[in-house]
Amino acid sequence: MANHISKRNETGAAWILRQLKQLDASHLFMVPGKLINAFMRCYPRDVQAGPDEFPVPIVTACETGAAYMAEGYARVSSAFGVCLVIGGPGVTNTLTGIASAYTDNFPVLLLAGQIASGMEMRNVLQDSTQSGINQRDIFAPVTRAAYEVKEGQPLSLFLRESLRALKGAERGPVYLGVSKEVLTSVDACRGEITDSVSDSWQRKPVDLIKMRSSAFETFIANNQRCIILAGLRGKTPETSKALIDFAEAYGFPVATTLSAKGLFPEDHPLALGVYGYSGHLRAIEALKDGELDGVILLGMDMTQWSTMIWSPDLQPPGGVIQVDINADYLGKFMDVTCGVVADSSAFLDALSEYYHPILAEGRNVREPWVQRLMTTSRCMPIGDESRHPASYVGLLQTHFPDNGIVSVDSGAHRSFFGHYWVSRTPDAYLSATTLGPMGWSIPAGIGASFAAPDRKCMVITGDGCMLMQGMELATAAKYQRNVLFVVFNNASYAASYFNNKENQADLTDIPDYDWCLLAKSFGIEAISVQSPEELEGMIADIMRKQTPFLIEVKCDNYHATPNTEYNRRVKAHPLI
């Protein structure tokens, strides 16, 4: 390894990469360019896989896809996603991806190479500094922090604070632009920052004073028939385990938002299912139940979808407790009885510790009530299964590995899978439900496959989404990812079709493109089917494949989504 850069003489770029790898970022997602040559030189030709001390670089079709892949990686990994691009057009191409990570609270480091500090105010090519398009200010509203490191400034301090902010009080993306001089300079005095950063990520706050207040104690004592509604802001493996343990210990029924689908196993005896958009009948009826006393909102993302358009059902007679790691989020979008600043898992542990006698005694009251709630069917009936797109959900689930990861896109197919797919773990169902960018699931699913190479990934997408991010099939093919792509081709922007039936057809129509032909052009095997029966004889063999495969599902666009209650609420809010 003659070209391997020693730590004593390492450049700023090499030092950054080494710190990222030490913090368990195994991969980074990038598009090459001159402004990041300093990073690319850390991967010499005679070391094909790259030095072990650096993240493995994954070259994507477009920077937008790189940002989405980094988010998909972050959703499945315990670490964080890294997106490496050039300043200027490279960075601006990532904007929607970074905004998606911001609105859904996932840690993605957007790392950009910039022009030399000494070349500012000269109108040089791709100037994105304060003298150019000023991309720091562009990204400040959609990141937890946005920094730029110039010549003479301490790189180690800027990187440390950038990484700390990824998983601060609010998790989310961070932008760090680094000038050419800083990336290429050798500085033997740069220290190691990983221990300090790791320590800052381990904090799990819980406001015990608030949890032992009279208002909180009154709620717990008087609200025996209580539902826990868990959301995206608490969607972690630690919360999932704590929630299962707590619910089983005291017999509490649990619902989740669509964004937190899988946080609580949906086939668990205490599972009410999804509440809000694509909500399950059981969860919706449970929160309308006349015997319901109170609700605990656990890491709840208080969005239009998650709250069923701010439904009054979320404010039962006994009141509402909201638990969130950020004090500023408590009561921000809806009045609550008592807001508690706490990590979701730490809250459940403390609740069990301090209120065990009351909770245990209340189980006798809850059990018959919960049994009655569970008599309501979870899902809406599909109808004509021979033609309905939702009829593919059960077939795919039957043959999909139990530990697999499904990445679901924006469109009518999201509603079908959100409603009929059964998810059991917090990292097994991925979907960008706040910003909702079309095409997201394609690169996000590929990114997830790098975070969990031993698990099969499946992307659920549509023809409209393929128009936006379908070129990332090239990335899946290049790196031979174990990803199954299922494209629902209804020759339509179906989610918009229902709102535009009286308008010009070409506003929502899409030509019937041959998505199998596109896949095959990248060397990916593909088939097209027109019914579940046609797929049934092939699906077992397809699922066993360890390389990319695409299934194009030809279907109609007129099937209504399972959103009866949500659609009723929409009609009551004409401004939505």
Protein backbone atom coordinates (compact mmCIF):
# COMPACT_ATOMS: atom_id res chain seq x y z
CA MET A 1 0.00 0.00 0.00
CA ALA A 2 2.59 2.53 -1.10
CA ASN A 3 -0.02 5.24 -1.59
CA HIS A 4 -1.71 4.75 1.78
CA ILE A 5 -1.70 8.03 3.69
CA SER A 6 -0.22 7.67 7.15
CA LYS A 7 -1.99 9.26 10.09
CA ARG A 8 1.06 11.37 10.82
CA ASN A 9 0.95 12.95 7.36
CA GLU A 10 -2.75 12.66 6.59
CA THR A 11 -4.60 15.40 4.79
CA GLY A 12 -7.72 17.08 6.12
CA ALA A 13 -9.81 14.90 3.79
CA ALA A 14 -8.20 11.69 5.06
CA TRP A 15 -8.62 12.80 8.67
CA ILE A 16 -12.34 13.46 8.11
CA LEU A 17 -12.87 10.05 6.50
CA ARG A 18 -11.06 8.28 9.32
CA GLN A 19 -13.18 10.00 11.97
CA LEU A 20 -16.37 9.02 10.13
CA LYS A 21 -15.32 5.38 9.92
CA GLN A 22 -14.41 5.30 13.61
CA LEU A 23 -17.97 6.45 14.32
CA ASP A 24 -19.29 3.43 12.38
CA ALA A 25 -20.17 5.11 9.08
CA SER A 26 -19.29 2.08 6.96
CA HIS A 27 -20.27 3.66 3.62
CA LEU A 28 -20.64 7.07 2.04
CA PHE A 29 -22.72 8.00 -1.01
CA MET A 30 -21.24 10.31 -3.62
CA VAL A 31 -20.93 11.62 -7.16
CA PRO A 32 -17.34 12.41 -8.25
CA GLY A 33 -16.12 15.91 -9.04
CA LYS A 34 -13.04 18.13 -8.93
CA LEU A 35 -13.92 19.85 -5.66
CA ILE A 36 -13.79 16.52 -3.80
CA ASN A 37 -10.63 15.21 -5.43
CA ALA A 38 -8.93 15.42 -2.04
CA PHE A 39 -11.35 12.79 -0.74
CA MET A 40 -11.09 10.64 -3.86
CA ARG A 41 -7.29 10.51 -3.55
CA CYS A 42 -7.78 8.64 -0.28
CA TYR A 43 -8.90 5.64 -2.35
CA PRO A 44 -5.84 4.73 -4.46
CA ARG A 45 -6.18 2.45 -7.46
CA ASP A 46 -4.01 -0.29 -5.97
CA VAL A 47 -6.44 -0.72 -3.05
CA GLN A 48 -9.63 -1.73 -4.84
CA ALA A 49 -11.99 -1.64 -1.86
CA GLY A 50 -10.40 1.42 -0.32
CA PRO A 51 -8.41 1.53 2.91
CA ASP A 52 -10.17 -0.23 5.79
CA GLU A 53 -9.92 2.91 7.91
CA PHE A 54 -12.23 4.87 5.57
CA PRO A 55 -15.92 4.42 4.67
CA VAL A 56 -16.56 2.51 1.44
CA PRO A 57 -17.51 4.99 -1.32
CA ILE A 58 -20.70 4.27 -3.29
CA VAL A 59 -21.01 6.23 -6.53
CA THR A 60 -24.63 7.03 -7.36
CA ALA A 61 -26.39 8.17 -10.52
CA CYS A 62 -27.22 11.62 -9.14
CA GLU A 63 -26.58 13.60 -5.97
CA THR A 64 -30.30 13.54 -5.17
CA GLY A 65 -30.12 9.76 -5.05
CA ALA A 66 -26.97 9.96 -2.93
CA ALA A 67 -28.83 12.03 -0.32
CA TYR A 68 -31.78 9.62 -0.30
CA MET A 69 -29.42 6.64 0.00
CA ALA A 70 -27.69 8.27 2.95
CA GLU A 71 -31.07 8.71 4.63
CA GLY A 72 -32.07 5.10 3.92
CA TYR A 73 -28.74 4.00 5.38
CA ALA A 74 -29.33 6.17 8.47
CA ARG A 75 -32.81 4.71 9.04
CA VAL A 76 -31.44 1.17 9.30
CA SER A 77 -27.95 1.77 10.69
CA SER A 78 -27.23 2.70 14.29
CA ALA A 79 -24.73 5.24 12.93
CA PHE A 80 -25.53 8.02 10.44
CA GLY A 81 -25.61 8.55 6.70
CA VAL A 82 -22.90 10.39 4.77
CA CYS A 83 -23.38 12.18 1.45
CA LEU A 84 -20.22 13.49 -0.25
CA VAL A 85 -20.62 15.97 -3.13
CA ILE A 86 -19.04 18.97 -4.78
CA GLY A 87 -20.13 22.48 -3.87
CA GLY A 88 -22.51 24.27 -6.19
CA PRO A 89 -24.61 21.94 -8.37
CA GLY A 90 -23.68 18.85 -6.39
CA VAL A 91 -24.93 20.31 -3.15
CA THR A 92 -28.06 21.91 -4.60
CA ASN A 93 -29.01 18.56 -6.14
CA THR A 94 -29.21 17.12 -2.62
CA LEU A 95 -31.62 19.73 -1.27
CA THR A 96 -34.81 17.64 -1.38
CA GLY A 97 -33.04 14.64 0.13
CA ILE A 98 -31.62 16.69 2.98
CA ALA A 99 -35.02 18.32 3.54
CA SER A 100 -36.58 14.85 3.77
CA ALA A 101 -34.04 13.77 6.39
CA TYR A 102 -34.73 17.01 8.26
CA THR A 103 -38.51 16.66 8.37
CA ASP A 104 -38.30 13.00 9.44
CA ASN A 105 -35.41 13.55 11.89
CA PHE A 106 -32.70 11.26 10.51
CA PRO A 107 -28.96 12.00 10.84
CA VAL A 108 -27.26 12.61 7.50
CA LEU A 109 -23.94 14.43 7.12
CA LEU A 110 -23.85 16.43 3.89
CA LEU A 111 -20.14 16.85 3.25
CA ALA A 112 -19.16 19.22 0.45
CA GLY A 113 -15.86 20.20 -1.10
CA GLN A 114 -15.59 23.92 -1.81
CA ILE A 115 -13.38 26.26 -3.77
CA ALA A 116 -10.22 27.53 -2.12
CA SER A 117 -10.82 30.31 0.38
CA GLY A 118 -8.34 32.51 -1.47
CA MET A 119 -10.44 32.27 -4.62
CA GLU A 120 -13.59 33.76 -3.13
CA MET A 121 -14.87 37.02 -4.68
CA ARG A 122 -13.32 36.10 -8.04
CA ASN A 123 -16.45 34.59 -9.65
CA VAL A 124 -14.76 31.20 -10.11
CA LEU A 125 -16.51 28.11 -11.39
CA GLN A 126 -18.97 26.50 -8.93
CA ASP A 127 -18.45 29.08 -6.20
CA SER A 128 -20.98 28.15 -3.53
CA THR A 129 -19.47 30.25 -0.73
CA GLN A 130 -20.65 33.61 0.57
CA SER A 131 -19.34 35.19 -2.63
CA GLY A 132 -21.29 32.74 -4.80
CA ILE A 133 -24.67 31.10 -4.27
CA ASN A 134 -24.07 30.99 -0.49
CA GLN A 135 -25.16 27.41 -0.01
CA ARG A 136 -24.70 27.57 3.76
CA ASP A 137 -27.64 29.93 3.91
CA ILE A 138 -29.60 27.73 1.48
CA PHE A 139 -29.25 24.72 3.77
CA ALA A 140 -29.51 26.42 7.16
CA PRO A 141 -33.35 26.10 7.27
CA VAL A 142 -33.30 22.34 6.56
CA THR A 143 -30.39 21.22 8.73
CA ARG A 144 -29.67 21.05 12.45
CA ALA A 145 -26.44 22.94 11.78
CA ALA A 146 -24.71 24.40 8.72
CA TYR A 147 -20.99 25.18 8.81
CA GLU A 148 -18.21 26.07 6.39
CA VAL A 149 -14.52 25.64 7.19
CA LYS A 150 -12.10 28.14 5.66
CA GLU A 151 -8.31 28.26 5.52
CA GLY A 152 -6.83 28.81 8.97
CA GLN A 153 -9.91 27.60 10.84
CA PRO A 154 -9.89 24.51 13.11
CA LEU A 155 -11.27 21.60 11.09
CA SER A 156 -11.46 19.33 14.13
CA LEU A 157 -13.79 21.70 16.00
CA PHE A 158 -16.08 22.17 13.02
CA LEU A 159 -16.33 18.43 12.35
CA ARG A 160 -16.88 17.65 16.02
CA GLU A 161 -19.76 20.11 16.32
CA SER A 162 -21.24 18.91 13.02
CA LEU A 163 -21.26 15.31 14.21
CA ARG A 164 -22.62 16.20 17.65
CA ALA A 165 -25.51 18.05 16.02
CA LEU A 166 -26.51 14.97 13.98
CA LYS A 167 -27.88 13.35 17.13
CA GLY A 168 -28.48 16.29 19.42
CA ALA A 169 -31.78 17.22 21.10
CA GLU A 170 -33.23 17.01 17.61
CA ARG A 171 -31.73 14.40 15.30
CA GLY A 172 -31.32 15.46 11.70
CA PRO A 173 -28.98 16.36 8.84
CA VAL A 174 -25.99 18.68 9.04
CA TYR A 175 -24.21 20.54 6.24
CA LEU A 176 -20.42 20.92 6.36
CA GLY A 177 -18.59 22.64 3.51
CA VAL A 178 -14.79 22.41 3.53
CA SER A 179 -12.47 24.57 1.42
CA LYS A 180 -9.78 23.09 -0.81
CA GLU A 181 -6.88 24.29 1.37
CA VAL A 182 -8.34 22.64 4.46
CA LEU A 183 -8.94 19.36 2.64
CA THR A 184 -5.43 19.17 1.21
CA SER A 185 -3.42 20.55 4.13
CA VAL A 186 -1.47 18.27 6.45
CA ASP A 187 -1.79 19.05 10.15
CA ALA A 188 -0.16 16.74 12.69
CA CYS A 189 -1.96 18.51 15.54
CA ARG A 190 -5.47 17.40 14.69
CA GLY A 191 -6.78 15.36 17.57
CA GLU A 192 -9.23 12.50 17.77
CA ILE A 193 -12.84 13.57 18.29
CA THR A 194 -14.76 10.30 18.21
CA ASP A 195 -14.92 9.68 21.97
CA SER A 196 -16.30 13.15 22.63
CA VAL A 197 -18.89 12.81 19.86
CA SER A 198 -19.96 9.31 20.92
CA ASP A 199 -20.42 10.45 24.50
CA SER A 200 -22.68 13.31 23.42
CA TRP A 201 -24.91 10.82 21.57
CA GLN A 202 -25.47 8.61 24.62
CA ARG A 203 -27.58 11.02 26.64
CA LYS A 204 -31.15 9.91 27.39
CA PRO A 205 -32.88 12.71 29.28
CA VAL A 206 -35.99 12.16 31.38
CA ASP A 207 -37.72 14.86 33.44
CA LEU A 208 -38.35 12.97 36.68
CA ILE A 209 -39.64 16.09 38.42
CA LYS A 210 -42.43 16.41 35.85
CA MET A 211 -43.15 12.69 36.02
CA ARG A 212 -43.63 12.94 39.78
CA SER A 213 -45.78 16.07 39.64
CA SER A 214 -49.37 16.05 40.87
CA ALA A 215 -50.74 16.56 37.33
CA PHE A 216 -48.85 13.56 36.01
CA GLU A 217 -49.70 11.36 38.99
CA THR A 218 -53.39 12.26 38.69
CA PHE A 219 -53.37 11.28 35.02
CA ILE A 220 -51.79 7.89 35.71
CA ALA A 221 -54.08 7.16 38.67
CA ASN A 222 -57.34 8.19 36.98
CA ASN A 223 -56.82 6.96 33.41
CA GLN A 224 -56.84 3.17 33.57
CA ARG A 225 -58.17 2.77 30.02
CA CYS A 226 -55.35 4.48 28.22
CA ILE A 227 -53.86 4.07 24.75
CA ILE A 228 -50.21 4.62 23.88
CA LEU A 229 -49.84 6.24 20.45
CA ALA A 230 -46.19 6.03 19.38
CA GLY A 231 -44.67 8.13 16.62
CA LEU A 232 -41.65 8.66 14.43
CA ARG A 233 -39.75 10.84 16.91
CA GLY A 234 -39.32 7.81 19.15
CA LYS A 235 -38.76 5.20 16.44
CA THR A 236 -35.64 3.47 17.73
CA PRO A 237 -34.79 -0.15 18.59
CA GLU A 238 -34.44 0.87 22.26
CA THR A 239 -37.93 2.38 22.33
CA SER A 240 -39.37 -0.64 20.54
CA LYS A 241 -38.02 -3.03 23.17
CA ALA A 242 -39.08 -0.79 26.06
CA LEU A 243 -42.56 -0.36 24.56
CA ILE A 244 -43.10 -4.10 24.11
CA ASP A 245 -41.91 -4.80 27.65
CA PHE A 246 -44.10 -2.04 29.12
CA ALA A 247 -47.23 -2.96 27.16
CA GLU A 248 -46.92 -6.64 28.07
CA ALA A 249 -46.22 -5.92 31.74
CA TYR A 250 -49.30 -3.74 32.22
CA GLY A 251 -51.64 -4.65 29.37
CA PHE A 252 -51.61 -1.33 27.51
CA PRO A 253 -52.90 -1.26 23.92
CA VAL A 254 -50.52 0.40 21.46
CA ALA A 255 -51.08 2.20 18.17
CA THR A 256 -48.45 3.78 15.96
CA THR A 257 -48.45 6.42 13.29
CA LEU A 258 -47.75 5.38 9.69
CA SER A 259 -44.33 6.99 10.06
CA ALA A 260 -43.59 4.74 13.06
CA LYS A 261 -45.03 1.58 11.52
CA GLY A 262 -43.22 -1.43 12.98
CA LEU A 263 -42.14 0.29 16.18
CA PHE A 264 -44.62 -2.03 17.91
CA PRO A 265 -45.18 -5.43 16.22
CA GLU A 266 -48.43 -5.18 14.27
CA ASP A 267 -49.33 -8.81 14.90
CA HIS A 268 -48.89 -8.44 18.68
CA PRO A 269 -52.01 -9.19 20.80
CA LEU A 270 -51.90 -5.61 22.13
CA ALA A 271 -51.40 -3.94 18.74
CA LEU A 272 -54.13 -1.60 17.52
CA GLY A 273 -52.23 -0.90 14.31
CA VAL A 274 -51.68 2.35 12.44
CA TYR A 275 -53.53 5.54 13.34
CA GLY A 276 -53.89 8.49 10.96
CA TYR A 277 -53.28 8.29 7.23
CA SER A 278 -53.67 4.69 6.00
CA GLY A 279 -54.97 3.96 9.48
CA HIS A 280 -56.37 0.64 10.64
CA LEU A 281 -60.03 0.34 11.61
CA ARG A 282 -59.06 -1.06 15.02
CA ALA A 283 -56.85 1.91 15.91
CA ILE A 284 -59.35 4.46 14.62
CA GLU A 285 -62.28 2.94 16.50
CA ALA A 286 -60.21 2.51 19.68
CA LEU A 287 -59.48 6.23 19.83
CA LYS A 288 -63.19 6.95 19.36
CA ASP A 289 -64.19 4.48 22.08
CA GLY A 290 -66.54 5.84 24.72
CA GLU A 291 -64.63 4.17 27.57
CA LEU A 292 -61.26 5.64 26.56
CA ASP A 293 -59.85 7.69 29.43
CA GLY A 294 -56.59 9.13 28.16
CA VAL A 295 -53.80 8.99 25.59
CA ILE A 296 -50.02 8.93 25.92
CA LEU A 297 -48.33 10.42 22.84
CA LEU A 298 -44.90 8.78 22.81
CA GLY A 299 -42.43 10.48 20.49
CA MET A 300 -45.42 11.49 18.40
CA ASP A 301 -44.79 13.42 15.18
CA MET A 302 -47.69 15.86 15.28
CA THR A 303 -48.26 16.06 11.54
CA GLN A 304 -51.42 16.25 9.47
CA TRP A 305 -51.17 12.54 8.64
CA SER A 306 -50.21 11.27 12.08
CA THR A 307 -52.91 13.19 13.97
CA MET A 308 -55.71 12.30 11.52
CA ILE A 309 -55.80 16.01 10.68
CA TRP A 310 -55.64 17.06 14.34
CA SER A 311 -58.58 14.88 15.28
CA PRO A 312 -60.45 15.68 18.51
CA ASP A 313 -60.30 11.93 19.20
CA LEU A 314 -56.73 12.56 20.40
CA GLN A 315 -58.05 14.62 23.32
CA PRO A 316 -60.21 12.25 25.40
CA PRO A 317 -61.86 13.30 28.69
CA GLY A 318 -58.96 12.22 30.90
CA GLY A 319 -56.42 14.24 28.98
CA VAL A 320 -53.19 13.74 27.05
CA ILE A 321 -49.58 13.19 28.06
CA GLN A 322 -47.02 14.06 25.40
CA VAL A 323 -43.49 12.70 25.66
CA ASP A 324 -40.76 14.20 23.51
CA ILE A 325 -37.02 14.66 23.75
CA ASN A 326 -37.35 18.33 22.81
CA ALA A 327 -39.17 20.68 25.20
CA ASP A 328 -40.03 23.05 22.34
CA TYR A 329 -42.10 20.34 20.66
CA LEU A 330 -44.38 19.72 23.64
CA GLY A 331 -47.85 21.15 23.02
CA LYS A 332 -46.62 22.87 19.87
CA PHE A 333 -49.36 21.68 17.52
CA MET A 334 -52.01 20.45 19.96
CA ASP A 335 -52.95 21.20 23.56
CA VAL A 336 -51.80 18.58 26.05
CA THR A 337 -52.52 17.97 29.73
CA CYS A 338 -48.92 17.31 30.66
CA GLY A 339 -45.76 17.47 28.58
CA VAL A 340 -42.69 15.48 29.61
CA VAL A 341 -39.20 16.03 28.24
CA ALA A 342 -37.77 12.54 27.91
CA ASP A 343 -36.25 9.98 25.64
CA SER A 344 -39.11 7.59 24.84
CA SER A 345 -37.41 4.45 26.17
CA ALA A 346 -36.18 6.24 29.30
CA PHE A 347 -39.72 7.54 29.92
CA LEU A 348 -41.22 4.04 29.81
CA ASP A 349 -38.54 2.70 32.16
CA ALA A 350 -39.14 5.54 34.63
CA LEU A 351 -42.92 5.18 34.38
CA SER A 352 -42.65 1.51 35.28
CA GLU A 353 -40.24 2.23 38.13
CA TYR A 354 -42.22 4.98 39.84
CA TYR A 355 -45.81 3.90 39.14
CA HIS A 356 -45.64 0.12 39.14
CA PRO A 357 -48.37 -0.46 41.80
CA ILE A 358 -50.89 1.82 40.06
CA LEU A 359 -50.12 0.39 36.63
CA ALA A 360 -50.31 -3.21 37.83
CA GLU A 361 -53.62 -2.61 39.61
CA GLY A 362 -55.10 -0.99 36.50
CA ARG A 363 -54.43 -4.06 34.39
CA ASN A 364 -57.58 -5.74 35.72
CA VAL A 365 -59.63 -2.81 34.40
CA ARG A 366 -57.81 -2.69 31.06
CA GLU A 367 -57.93 -6.36 30.11
CA PRO A 368 -61.65 -6.71 29.31
CA TRP A 369 -61.61 -3.32 27.61
CA VAL A 370 -58.63 -4.27 25.44
CA GLN A 371 -60.24 -7.59 24.56
CA ARG A 372 -63.28 -5.71 23.29
CA LEU A 373 -61.13 -3.29 21.26
CA MET A 374 -59.38 -6.22 19.60
CA THR A 375 -62.66 -7.62 18.25
CA THR A 376 -62.63 -4.88 15.60
CA SER A 377 -60.97 -5.98 12.39
CA ARG A 378 -57.57 -4.44 11.75
CA CYS A 379 -57.88 -3.83 8.01
CA MET A 380 -60.53 -2.72 5.58
CA PRO A 381 -61.70 -5.38 3.10
CA ILE A 382 -59.85 -5.31 -0.22
CA GLY A 383 -62.81 -5.98 -2.49
CA ASP A 384 -62.13 -7.50 -5.92
CA GLU A 385 -58.83 -9.19 -5.12
CA SER A 386 -58.29 -10.32 -8.70
CA ARG A 387 -57.85 -6.71 -9.85
CA HIS A 388 -56.95 -4.69 -6.77
CA PRO A 389 -53.29 -3.59 -6.35
CA ALA A 390 -53.54 -4.32 -2.61
CA SER A 391 -53.99 -8.00 -3.38
CA TYR A 392 -50.25 -8.17 -4.13
CA VAL A 393 -49.37 -7.13 -0.58
CA GLY A 394 -50.21 -10.43 1.08
CA LEU A 395 -48.54 -12.43 -1.70
CA LEU A 396 -45.30 -10.49 -1.37
CA GLN A 397 -45.39 -10.67 2.43
CA THR A 398 -45.89 -14.44 2.41
CA HIS A 399 -42.60 -14.95 0.57
CA PHE A 400 -40.61 -12.03 2.00
CA PRO A 401 -38.00 -12.90 4.68
CA ASP A 402 -39.08 -12.13 8.25
CA ASN A 403 -36.02 -9.91 8.75
CA GLY A 404 -36.40 -8.12 5.42
CA ILE A 405 -36.64 -4.36 4.91
CA VAL A 406 -39.34 -2.75 2.77
CA SER A 407 -38.94 0.81 1.45
CA VAL A 408 -42.24 2.35 0.37
CA ASP A 409 -42.64 5.34 -1.93
CA SER A 410 -45.14 8.18 -2.26
CA GLY A 411 -48.35 7.46 -4.14
CA ALA A 412 -51.42 5.24 -3.92
CA HIS A 413 -49.19 2.21 -3.34
CA ARG A 414 -48.00 3.77 -0.05
CA SER A 415 -51.55 3.70 1.30
CA PHE A 416 -52.06 0.07 0.29
CA PHE A 417 -48.80 -1.09 1.87
CA GLY A 418 -49.17 1.12 4.92
CA HIS A 419 -52.55 -0.47 5.57
CA TYR A 420 -52.15 -4.12 4.55
CA TRP A 421 -48.43 -4.85 5.13
CA VAL A 422 -47.61 -6.24 8.59
CA SER A 423 -44.43 -4.79 10.11
CA ARG A 424 -42.75 -6.15 13.24
CA THR A 425 -39.56 -4.14 13.85
CA PRO A 426 -38.78 -0.40 13.71
CA ASP A 427 -36.22 -0.65 10.90
CA ALA A 428 -38.20 -3.03 8.68
CA TYR A 429 -40.59 -0.47 7.14
CA LEU A 430 -39.18 2.73 5.65
CA SER A 431 -41.20 5.59 4.18
CA ALA A 432 -40.70 9.36 3.99
CA THR A 433 -44.06 10.48 5.34
CA THR A 434 -43.59 14.15 6.23
CA LEU A 435 -42.09 15.77 3.12
CA GLY A 436 -43.15 12.80 0.98
CA PRO A 437 -40.85 13.14 -2.06
CA MET A 438 -41.72 10.88 -4.98
CA GLY A 439 -39.03 8.40 -5.95
CA TRP A 440 -37.49 8.44 -2.47
CA SER A 441 -37.91 4.73 -1.80
CA ILE A 442 -35.75 3.64 -4.73
CA PRO A 443 -32.41 5.07 -3.52
CA ALA A 444 -33.46 4.83 0.15
CA GLY A 445 -33.97 1.08 -0.23
CA ILE A 446 -30.58 0.76 -1.90
CA GLY A 447 -28.99 2.74 0.92
CA ALA A 448 -30.65 0.48 3.48
CA SER A 449 -29.12 -2.55 1.76
CA PHE A 450 -25.63 -1.22 2.54
CA ALA A 451 -26.53 -0.73 6.20
CA ALA A 452 -27.88 -4.29 6.44
CA PRO A 453 -26.14 -6.39 3.76
CA ASP A 454 -27.40 -9.65 5.29
CA ARG A 455 -31.07 -8.64 4.92
CA LYS A 456 -33.17 -8.60 1.78
CA CYS A 457 -34.59 -5.22 0.79
CA MET A 458 -37.71 -4.57 -1.25
CA VAL A 459 -38.62 -1.26 -2.86
CA ILE A 460 -42.31 -0.51 -3.41
CA THR A 461 -42.70 2.25 -5.98
CA GLY A 462 -44.79 3.46 -8.90
CA ASP A 463 -44.32 4.60 -12.46
CA GLY A 464 -44.47 8.29 -11.48
CA CYS A 465 -41.76 7.70 -8.89
CA MET A 466 -39.63 5.81 -11.40
CA LEU A 467 -39.63 8.87 -13.64
CA MET A 468 -37.94 10.77 -10.81
CA GLN A 469 -35.41 8.33 -9.34
CA GLY A 470 -35.49 5.26 -11.59
CA MET A 471 -31.95 5.87 -12.83
CA GLU A 472 -30.67 4.72 -9.44
CA LEU A 473 -31.36 1.19 -10.68
CA ALA A 474 -27.90 1.66 -12.18
CA THR A 475 -26.44 1.92 -8.68
CA ALA A 476 -28.19 -1.26 -7.55
CA ALA A 477 -26.86 -3.05 -10.62
CA LYS A 478 -23.32 -1.71 -10.28
CA TYR A 479 -23.01 -2.89 -6.68
CA GLN A 480 -25.20 -5.99 -7.11
CA ARG A 481 -27.52 -5.18 -4.22
CA ASN A 482 -29.95 -7.74 -2.85
CA VAL A 483 -32.93 -5.51 -3.64
CA LEU A 484 -36.27 -6.43 -5.20
CA PHE A 485 -37.96 -3.52 -6.99
CA VAL A 486 -41.75 -3.73 -7.34
CA VAL A 487 -43.11 -1.07 -9.70
CA PHE A 488 -46.88 -0.51 -9.72
CA ASN A 489 -47.50 0.75 -13.24
CA ASN A 490 -50.97 2.26 -13.51
CA ALA A 491 -49.92 4.74 -16.22
CA SER A 492 -50.97 7.54 -13.92
CA TYR A 493 -50.14 9.83 -11.05
CA ALA A 494 -52.89 7.92 -9.28
CA ALA A 495 -52.83 9.80 -5.97
CA SER A 496 -53.51 13.04 -7.89
CA TYR A 497 -55.92 11.43 -10.34
CA PHE A 498 -58.78 11.26 -7.81
CA ASN A 499 -58.54 15.02 -7.21
CA ASN A 500 -58.39 15.85 -10.91
CA LYS A 501 -61.00 13.69 -12.62
CA GLU A 502 -62.66 16.75 -14.16
CA ASN A 503 -59.40 18.25 -15.43
CA GLN A 504 -57.35 17.50 -18.53
CA ALA A 505 -56.33 13.85 -18.62
CA ASP A 506 -52.72 14.53 -19.53
CA LEU A 507 -52.24 16.33 -16.20
CA THR A 508 -52.22 12.96 -14.42
CA ASP A 509 -51.74 10.41 -17.23
CA ILE A 510 -48.32 8.80 -17.73
CA PRO A 511 -47.38 6.91 -20.91
CA ASP A 512 -47.24 3.16 -20.39
CA TYR A 513 -43.47 2.92 -20.29
CA ASP A 514 -41.66 -0.41 -20.35
CA TRP A 515 -39.95 -0.43 -16.95
CA CYS A 516 -38.67 -3.96 -17.51
CA LEU A 517 -36.76 -2.71 -20.54
CA LEU A 518 -35.16 0.02 -18.45
CA ALA A 519 -34.12 -2.50 -15.80
CA LYS A 520 -32.70 -4.89 -18.39
CA SER A 521 -30.66 -2.07 -19.92
CA PHE A 522 -28.80 -1.94 -16.60
CA GLY A 523 -28.37 -5.72 -16.53
CA ILE A 524 -31.17 -6.28 -14.01
CA GLU A 525 -33.53 -9.21 -14.48
CA ALA A 526 -37.18 -8.16 -14.78
CA ILE A 527 -40.68 -9.49 -15.41
CA SER A 528 -44.07 -7.88 -15.99
CA VAL A 529 -47.28 -9.33 -14.51
CA GLN A 530 -50.94 -8.39 -14.72
CA SER A 531 -52.42 -10.41 -11.86
CA PRO A 532 -51.41 -11.90 -8.50
CA GLU A 533 -52.08 -15.35 -9.93
CA GLU A 534 -49.51 -14.74 -12.65
CA LEU A 535 -46.90 -13.75 -10.06
CA GLU A 536 -47.71 -16.49 -7.56
CA GLY A 537 -45.90 -19.24 -9.44
CA MET A 538 -42.68 -17.20 -9.72
CA ILE A 539 -42.43 -15.18 -6.53
CA ALA A 540 -40.71 -17.82 -4.38
CA ASP A 541 -37.82 -18.15 -6.85
CA ILE A 542 -37.58 -14.38 -7.26
CA MET A 543 -37.33 -13.84 -3.50
CA ARG A 544 -34.44 -16.31 -3.30
CA LYS A 545 -32.31 -14.24 -5.68
CA GLN A 546 -29.43 -12.33 -4.08
CA THR A 547 -29.09 -9.77 -6.89
CA PRO A 548 -31.33 -6.92 -8.10
CA PHE A 549 -34.64 -7.90 -9.68
CA LEU A 550 -37.59 -5.84 -10.90
CA ILE A 551 -41.27 -6.81 -11.00
CA GLU A 552 -43.53 -4.53 -13.01
CA VAL A 553 -47.15 -4.82 -11.87
CA LYS A 554 -49.63 -3.65 -14.48
CA CYS A 555 -52.71 -2.31 -12.71
CA ASP A 556 -55.58 0.17 -12.92
CA ASN A 557 -55.57 3.61 -11.34
CA TYR A 558 -59.18 3.79 -10.15
CA HIS A 559 -58.91 1.77 -6.92
CA ALA A 560 -59.65 3.90 -3.86
CA THR A 561 -57.11 3.86 -1.04
CA PRO A 562 -58.09 2.54 2.44
CA ASN A 563 -58.50 6.02 3.89
CA THR A 564 -62.21 6.38 4.63
CA GLU A 565 -61.81 8.17 7.98
CA TYR A 566 -58.93 10.32 6.79
CA ASN A 567 -60.81 11.37 3.65
CA ARG A 568 -63.84 12.25 5.77
CA ARG A 569 -61.64 14.49 7.88
CA VAL A 570 -60.16 16.11 4.75
CA LYS A 571 -63.64 17.17 3.63
CA ALA A 572 -64.07 18.96 6.95
CA HIS A 573 -60.90 20.99 6.23
CA PRO A 574 -61.36 22.63 2.80
CA LEU A 575 -57.99 24.38 3.02
CA ILE A 576 -56.13 21.03 3.02
